[in-house]
Amino acid sequence: MEEEKICDGAKEVLTILEYMSPDITNKIPENFIIKLKKLSANSGELVQINPDKDLVEQELSEEAKDILALMYYSYFANEEEQKDLQKNWQENDGLGDNND
């Protein structure tokens, strides 16, 4: 089930990338795109993105959001943004520890 969600998330991300400019998509390594395509091939989800809405207004799965966050961190964020993201991720990971 988890793998299916990841495959669906990859398909969502690929659909989003179709609407982005080459200035953005060219920063993403081809091997990463190939991996997303392989994952999305196992997805049965019908992805619909409204190009008239901002990305934050789209109804995206948590998996798609995670993939987009990873891509932002790896290919677009500067060093300060990467530190902020790491701090945020560490804080969020710690939240689950208190609920056991």
N, C-alpha and C. Protein backbone atom coordinates (compact mmCIF):
# COMPACT_ATOMS: atom_id res chain seq x y z
N MET A 1 0.82 -1.20 0.00
CA MET A 1 0.00 0.00 0.00
C MET A 1 0.87 1.26 0.00
N GLU A 2 1.91 1.28 0.81
CA GLU A 2 2.80 2.44 0.87
C GLU A 2 3.48 2.68 -0.48
N GLU A 3 3.91 1.61 -1.13
CA GLU A 3 4.55 1.77 -2.44
C GLU A 3 3.57 2.36 -3.46
N GLU A 4 2.31 1.95 -3.37
CA GLU A 4 1.30 2.49 -4.27
C GLU A 4 1.14 4.00 -4.07
N LYS A 5 1.17 4.44 -2.82
CA LYS A 5 1.06 5.87 -2.52
C LYS A 5 2.26 6.64 -3.09
N ILE A 6 3.43 6.06 -2.99
CA ILE A 6 4.63 6.70 -3.52
C ILE A 6 4.54 6.79 -5.05
N CYS A 7 4.06 5.74 -5.68
CA CYS A 7 3.89 5.75 -7.14
C CYS A 7 2.89 6.83 -7.57
N ASP A 8 1.79 6.94 -6.80
CA ASP A 8 0.80 7.97 -7.09
C ASP A 8 1.39 9.37 -6.89
N GLY A 9 2.18 9.54 -5.84
CA GLY A 9 2.83 10.82 -5.58
C GLY A 9 3.79 11.20 -6.69
N ALA A 10 4.53 10.22 -7.20
CA ALA A 10 5.46 10.47 -8.31
C ALA A 10 4.69 10.92 -9.55
N LYS A 11 3.54 10.30 -9.79
CA LYS A 11 2.73 10.69 -10.95
C LYS A 11 2.21 12.13 -10.78
N GLU A 12 1.81 12.49 -9.57
CA GLU A 12 1.36 13.86 -9.31
C GLU A 12 2.49 14.86 -9.60
N VAL A 13 3.68 14.54 -9.13
CA VAL A 13 4.82 15.44 -9.32
C VAL A 13 5.14 15.59 -10.80
N LEU A 14 5.14 14.50 -11.53
CA LEU A 14 5.40 14.59 -12.97
C LEU A 14 4.36 15.45 -13.67
N THR A 15 3.13 15.35 -13.25
CA THR A 15 2.07 16.16 -13.84
C THR A 15 2.30 17.64 -13.53
N ILE A 16 2.70 17.93 -12.32
CA ILE A 16 3.01 19.32 -11.94
C ILE A 16 4.16 19.86 -12.77
N LEU A 17 5.18 19.04 -12.97
CA LEU A 17 6.36 19.48 -13.73
C LEU A 17 6.01 19.84 -15.18
N GLU A 18 4.96 19.24 -15.71
CA GLU A 18 4.53 19.55 -17.07
C GLU A 18 4.12 21.02 -17.21
N TYR A 19 3.69 21.64 -16.11
CA TYR A 19 3.23 23.01 -16.13
C TYR A 19 4.33 24.02 -15.76
N MET A 20 5.50 23.53 -15.42
CA MET A 20 6.59 24.41 -15.01
C MET A 20 7.48 24.76 -16.19
N SER A 21 8.12 25.88 -16.06
CA SER A 21 8.98 26.35 -17.15
C SER A 21 10.26 25.51 -17.21
N PRO A 22 10.86 25.45 -18.39
CA PRO A 22 12.13 24.73 -18.52
C PRO A 22 13.23 25.29 -17.64
N ASP A 23 13.16 26.57 -17.30
CA ASP A 23 14.16 27.15 -16.38
C ASP A 23 14.17 26.41 -15.05
N ILE A 24 13.02 25.93 -14.65
CA ILE A 24 12.91 25.19 -13.39
C ILE A 24 13.21 23.71 -13.61
N THR A 25 12.54 23.11 -14.57
CA THR A 25 12.67 21.66 -14.76
C THR A 25 14.07 21.25 -15.20
N ASN A 26 14.79 22.13 -15.85
CA ASN A 26 16.15 21.79 -16.29
C ASN A 26 17.13 21.67 -15.13
N LYS A 27 16.76 22.14 -13.96
CA LYS A 27 17.61 22.03 -12.78
C LYS A 27 17.50 20.65 -12.12
N ILE A 28 16.51 19.89 -12.53
CA ILE A 28 16.28 18.57 -11.95
C ILE A 28 17.05 17.53 -12.77
N PRO A 29 17.92 16.76 -12.14
CA PRO A 29 18.70 15.77 -12.88
C PRO A 29 17.83 14.76 -13.62
N GLU A 30 18.26 14.38 -14.79
CA GLU A 30 17.50 13.44 -15.63
C GLU A 30 17.28 12.11 -14.92
N ASN A 31 18.27 11.64 -14.15
CA ASN A 31 18.09 10.35 -13.47
C ASN A 31 16.98 10.41 -12.42
N PHE A 32 16.76 11.58 -11.82
CA PHE A 32 15.66 11.73 -10.88
C PHE A 32 14.32 11.67 -11.60
N ILE A 33 14.24 12.32 -12.74
CA ILE A 33 13.02 12.30 -13.56
C ILE A 33 12.72 10.88 -14.02
N ILE A 34 13.75 10.16 -14.44
CA ILE A 34 13.58 8.77 -14.87
C ILE A 34 13.03 7.92 -13.73
N LYS A 35 13.54 8.11 -12.53
CA LYS A 35 13.05 7.36 -11.37
C LYS A 35 11.58 7.68 -11.11
N LEU A 36 11.21 8.97 -11.21
CA LEU A 36 9.80 9.34 -11.04
C LEU A 36 8.92 8.66 -12.10
N LYS A 37 9.41 8.63 -13.34
CA LYS A 37 8.65 8.00 -14.42
C LYS A 37 8.46 6.51 -14.18
N LYS A 38 9.51 5.85 -13.69
CA LYS A 38 9.39 4.42 -13.39
C LYS A 38 8.38 4.18 -12.28
N LEU A 39 8.42 5.01 -11.25
CA LEU A 39 7.46 4.87 -10.16
C LEU A 39 6.04 5.14 -10.64
N SER A 40 5.88 6.21 -11.42
CA SER A 40 4.53 6.61 -11.86
C SER A 40 3.91 5.59 -12.81
N ALA A 41 4.74 4.78 -13.46
CA ALA A 41 4.22 3.75 -14.37
C ALA A 41 3.37 2.73 -13.61
N ASN A 42 3.58 2.63 -12.30
CA ASN A 42 2.82 1.69 -11.46
C ASN A 42 1.62 2.35 -10.78
N SER A 43 1.30 3.57 -11.20
CA SER A 43 0.19 4.29 -10.59
C SER A 43 -1.07 4.16 -11.44
N GLY A 44 -2.17 3.94 -10.77
CA GLY A 44 -3.45 3.91 -11.47
C GLY A 44 -4.24 5.18 -11.25
N GLU A 45 -3.64 6.13 -10.57
CA GLU A 45 -4.33 7.37 -10.22
C GLU A 45 -4.50 8.28 -11.43
N LEU A 46 -5.66 8.92 -11.50
CA LEU A 46 -5.91 9.94 -12.50
C LEU A 46 -5.58 11.28 -11.86
N VAL A 47 -4.52 11.91 -12.32
CA VAL A 47 -4.05 13.15 -11.71
C VAL A 47 -4.62 14.34 -12.47
N GLN A 48 -5.19 15.25 -11.71
CA GLN A 48 -5.72 16.47 -12.31
C GLN A 48 -5.14 17.67 -11.59
N ILE A 49 -4.46 18.51 -12.34
CA ILE A 49 -3.88 19.73 -11.81
C ILE A 49 -4.58 20.89 -12.51
N ASN A 50 -4.98 21.87 -11.73
CA ASN A 50 -5.61 23.05 -12.30
C ASN A 50 -4.53 24.11 -12.50
N PRO A 51 -4.14 24.39 -13.74
CA PRO A 51 -3.06 25.35 -13.99
C PRO A 51 -3.42 26.78 -13.60
N ASP A 52 -4.70 27.03 -13.33
CA ASP A 52 -5.13 28.37 -12.92
C ASP A 52 -4.98 28.60 -11.42
N LYS A 53 -4.64 27.54 -10.68
CA LYS A 53 -4.44 27.65 -9.23
C LYS A 53 -2.96 27.57 -8.90
N ASP A 54 -2.58 28.24 -7.82
CA ASP A 54 -1.21 28.13 -7.31
C ASP A 54 -0.98 26.72 -6.79
N LEU A 55 0.26 26.35 -6.69
CA LEU A 55 0.62 25.01 -6.22
C LEU A 55 0.05 24.74 -4.83
N VAL A 56 0.09 25.72 -3.94
CA VAL A 56 -0.41 25.52 -2.58
C VAL A 56 -1.92 25.31 -2.53
N GLU A 57 -2.63 25.69 -3.59
CA GLU A 57 -4.07 25.52 -3.65
C GLU A 57 -4.49 24.16 -4.22
N GLN A 58 -3.54 23.42 -4.77
CA GLN A 58 -3.84 22.11 -5.36
C GLN A 58 -4.07 21.09 -4.25
N GLU A 59 -4.89 20.10 -4.53
CA GLU A 59 -5.10 19.00 -3.59
C GLU A 59 -4.09 17.91 -3.89
N LEU A 60 -2.96 17.98 -3.20
CA LEU A 60 -1.86 17.05 -3.43
C LEU A 60 -1.76 16.04 -2.28
N SER A 61 -1.33 14.85 -2.61
CA SER A 61 -1.10 13.84 -1.58
C SER A 61 0.12 14.23 -0.74
N GLU A 62 0.20 13.65 0.44
CA GLU A 62 1.36 13.89 1.29
C GLU A 62 2.64 13.39 0.61
N GLU A 63 2.52 12.30 -0.14
CA GLU A 63 3.69 11.77 -0.84
C GLU A 63 4.19 12.74 -1.90
N ALA A 64 3.27 13.36 -2.64
CA ALA A 64 3.67 14.35 -3.65
C ALA A 64 4.33 15.54 -2.97
N LYS A 65 3.77 15.98 -1.86
CA LYS A 65 4.35 17.10 -1.12
C LYS A 65 5.76 16.75 -0.63
N ASP A 66 5.92 15.52 -0.16
CA ASP A 66 7.25 15.08 0.31
C ASP A 66 8.27 15.07 -0.83
N ILE A 67 7.85 14.57 -1.98
CA ILE A 67 8.75 14.53 -3.14
C ILE A 67 9.11 15.95 -3.57
N LEU A 68 8.13 16.83 -3.61
CA LEU A 68 8.40 18.23 -3.99
C LEU A 68 9.33 18.90 -2.99
N ALA A 69 9.15 18.62 -1.69
CA ALA A 69 10.03 19.18 -0.67
C ALA A 69 11.46 18.68 -0.86
N LEU A 70 11.60 17.40 -1.13
CA LEU A 70 12.92 16.82 -1.38
C LEU A 70 13.57 17.46 -2.60
N MET A 71 12.79 17.64 -3.66
CA MET A 71 13.32 18.26 -4.88
C MET A 71 13.75 19.70 -4.60
N TYR A 72 12.94 20.44 -3.86
CA TYR A 72 13.28 21.82 -3.55
C TYR A 72 14.59 21.86 -2.76
N TYR A 73 14.66 21.03 -1.74
CA TYR A 73 15.86 20.97 -0.91
C TYR A 73 17.10 20.62 -1.74
N SER A 74 16.98 19.62 -2.58
CA SER A 74 18.13 19.08 -3.31
C SER A 74 18.57 19.94 -4.49
N TYR A 75 17.63 20.59 -5.16
CA TYR A 75 17.97 21.22 -6.44
C TYR A 75 17.74 22.73 -6.51
N PHE A 76 17.03 23.30 -5.54
CA PHE A 76 16.69 24.72 -5.66
C PHE A 76 17.10 25.57 -4.45
N ALA A 77 17.05 25.01 -3.26
CA ALA A 77 17.27 25.79 -2.04
C ALA A 77 18.74 26.19 -1.88
N ASN A 78 18.92 27.40 -1.35
CA ASN A 78 20.28 27.82 -1.01
C ASN A 78 20.63 27.22 0.36
N GLU A 79 21.83 27.46 0.81
CA GLU A 79 22.31 26.83 2.04
C GLU A 79 21.45 27.22 3.25
N GLU A 80 21.06 28.47 3.34
CA GLU A 80 20.23 28.92 4.47
C GLU A 80 18.86 28.24 4.44
N GLU A 81 18.27 28.14 3.27
CA GLU A 81 16.97 27.47 3.14
C GLU A 81 17.09 25.99 3.48
N GLN A 82 18.20 25.37 3.10
CA GLN A 82 18.41 23.97 3.44
C GLN A 82 18.49 23.78 4.95
N LYS A 83 19.18 24.68 5.63
CA LYS A 83 19.26 24.59 7.10
C LYS A 83 17.88 24.74 7.73
N ASP A 84 17.09 25.69 7.22
CA ASP A 84 15.73 25.88 7.75
C ASP A 84 14.87 24.64 7.52
N LEU A 85 14.98 24.04 6.35
CA LEU A 85 14.22 22.83 6.05
C LEU A 85 14.64 21.68 6.96
N GLN A 86 15.95 21.52 7.16
CA GLN A 86 16.43 20.46 8.05
C GLN A 86 15.89 20.64 9.45
N LYS A 87 15.91 21.87 9.94
CA LYS A 87 15.39 22.16 11.28
C LYS A 87 13.91 21.83 11.35
N ASN A 88 13.16 22.25 10.34
CA ASN A 88 11.73 21.98 10.31
C ASN A 88 11.45 20.48 10.27
N TRP A 89 12.17 19.75 9.44
CA TRP A 89 11.98 18.31 9.36
C TRP A 89 12.29 17.63 10.68
N GLN A 90 13.37 18.06 11.35
CA GLN A 90 13.74 17.46 12.63
C GLN A 90 12.68 17.75 13.69
N GLU A 91 12.14 18.96 13.69
CA GLU A 91 11.09 19.31 14.64
C GLU A 91 9.84 18.48 14.38
N ASN A 92 9.47 18.31 13.11
CA ASN A 92 8.28 17.53 12.77
C ASN A 92 8.46 16.06 13.10
N ASP A 93 9.67 15.54 12.90
CA ASP A 93 9.92 14.14 13.24
C ASP A 93 9.78 13.94 14.74
N GLY A 94 10.18 14.91 15.53
CA GLY A 94 10.09 14.82 16.99
C GLY A 94 8.66 14.86 17.50
N LEU A 95 7.73 15.42 16.74
CA LEU A 95 6.34 15.51 17.19
C LEU A 95 5.73 14.14 17.38
N GLY A 96 6.04 13.22 16.51
CA GLY A 96 5.45 11.88 16.59
C GLY A 96 5.93 11.10 17.80
N ASP A 97 7.10 11.45 18.33
CA ASP A 97 7.66 10.72 19.47
C ASP A 97 6.83 10.91 20.73
N ASN A 98 6.15 12.04 20.87
CA ASN A 98 5.39 12.32 22.08
C ASN A 98 4.02 11.66 22.08
N ASN A 99 3.60 11.14 20.94
CA ASN A 99 2.26 10.58 20.84
C ASN A 99 2.21 9.07 21.08
N ASP A 100 3.33 8.46 21.40
CA ASP A 100 3.36 7.00 21.61
C ASP A 100 2.78 6.60 22.93
